[in-house]
Amino acid sequence: MPWVKESECIKCKICVNVCPVEGAITLKDDGFPYIDNNICTRCGLCMEKCPKDAIRPNSENPAMRGMGRGHGMGRGLGRGMGRGLGKRGY
């Protein structure tokens, strides 16, 4: 799931123009692109064509840290009583 690192984005709109899925990348009121991950097919064209590398993979999204695979269960996503002995203590 790509996301836009707004501090790097120059609002060139190349990502909007190269995206093959209509409506997957739109412009917000402030001119920054927004990627709708419910529509995005993750083809990677936007990341490939961005001249400033402002479109980043989800693995670099600070809002998603600790929520993906390979990072344990993530925060607040555990199941049951945790790794301890359980509710009854045995």
Protein backbone atom coordinates (compact mmCIF):
# COMPACT_ATOMS: atom_id res chain seq x y z
CA MET A 1 0.00 0.00 0.00
CA PRO A 2 1.78 3.12 -1.10
CA TRP A 3 1.47 6.39 0.78
CA VAL A 4 2.59 9.96 0.11
CA LYS A 5 5.38 11.48 2.16
CA GLU A 6 4.13 15.04 1.90
CA SER A 7 7.40 16.59 3.07
CA GLU A 8 9.02 15.24 -0.12
CA CYS A 9 6.12 15.78 -2.54
CA ILE A 10 6.32 18.70 -5.00
CA LYS A 11 2.67 18.34 -6.13
CA CYS A 12 3.67 17.62 -9.73
CA LYS A 13 0.65 15.34 -10.31
CA ILE A 14 2.70 12.77 -12.23
CA CYS A 15 1.38 10.03 -9.95
CA VAL A 16 -2.21 10.98 -10.75
CA ASN A 17 -1.47 10.93 -14.48
CA VAL A 18 0.35 7.56 -14.56
CA CYS A 19 -2.04 5.65 -12.31
CA PRO A 20 -3.94 3.12 -14.43
CA VAL A 21 -6.84 2.89 -11.96
CA GLU A 22 -9.23 5.79 -12.15
CA GLY A 23 -9.85 7.36 -8.76
CA ALA A 24 -7.08 5.50 -6.94
CA ILE A 25 -5.01 8.69 -6.66
CA THR A 26 -6.81 11.98 -6.21
CA LEU A 27 -5.70 15.43 -5.10
CA LYS A 28 -6.64 16.73 -1.69
CA ASP A 29 -7.70 20.34 -1.17
CA ASP A 30 -4.11 21.27 -0.28
CA GLY A 31 -2.84 19.86 -3.62
CA PHE A 32 -1.14 16.77 -2.21
CA PRO A 33 -2.07 13.43 -3.76
CA TYR A 34 -4.12 10.95 -1.78
CA ILE A 35 -3.92 7.22 -2.52
CA ASP A 36 -7.11 5.30 -1.81
CA ASN A 37 -5.83 1.90 -0.76
CA ASN A 38 -9.27 0.40 -1.22
CA ILE A 39 -8.96 1.07 -4.96
CA CYS A 40 -5.18 0.93 -5.51
CA THR A 41 -3.95 -2.27 -7.19
CA ARG A 42 -0.37 -1.76 -5.93
CA CYS A 43 1.09 -1.81 -9.44
CA GLY A 44 3.92 0.49 -8.35
CA LEU A 45 3.78 2.92 -11.26
CA CYS A 46 3.27 5.92 -8.98
CA MET A 47 6.36 5.00 -6.92
CA GLU A 48 8.39 4.31 -10.04
CA LYS A 49 7.53 7.60 -11.78
CA CYS A 50 7.63 9.98 -8.79
CA PRO A 51 10.60 12.31 -9.42
CA LYS A 52 11.14 12.92 -5.70
CA ASP A 53 10.48 9.40 -4.36
CA ALA A 54 7.67 10.90 -2.29
CA ILE A 55 5.45 7.88 -2.77
CA ARG A 56 6.71 5.29 -0.37
CA PRO A 57 5.89 1.67 0.38
CA ASN A 58 3.75 0.90 3.39
CA SER A 59 6.74 -0.59 5.21
CA GLU A 60 8.04 2.97 5.61
CA ASN A 61 4.76 4.48 6.82
CA PRO A 62 5.23 5.72 10.40
CA ALA A 63 1.48 5.49 10.99
CA MET A 64 1.62 1.75 10.30
CA ARG A 65 4.70 0.82 12.33
CA GLY A 66 4.25 -2.32 14.35
CA MET A 67 1.15 -3.40 12.46
CA GLY A 68 2.58 -5.48 9.63
CA ARG A 69 3.85 -9.02 9.46
CA GLY A 70 7.36 -9.64 10.63
CA HIS A 71 6.96 -7.24 13.53
CA GLY A 72 5.24 -9.55 15.97
CA MET A 73 1.56 -9.03 16.51
CA GLY A 74 1.81 -5.26 16.57
CA ARG A 75 0.52 -2.99 19.25
CA GLY A 76 -2.97 -3.61 20.46
CA LEU A 77 -3.52 -6.49 18.08
CA GLY A 78 -2.70 -9.38 20.39
CA ARG A 79 -5.21 -12.08 21.18
CA GLY A 80 -6.27 -13.43 24.53
CA MET A 81 -4.45 -12.76 27.76
CA GLY A 82 -1.00 -12.40 26.25
CA ARG A 83 2.02 -14.63 26.56
CA GLY A 84 1.68 -15.28 30.27
CA LEU A 85 0.06 -18.23 31.96
CA GLY A 86 -3.41 -17.08 30.99
CA LYS A 87 -6.44 -15.98 32.93
CA ARG A 88 -6.33 -18.74 35.53
CA GLY A 89 -2.57 -18.76 36.03
CA TYR A 90 -1.90 -22.32 34.92
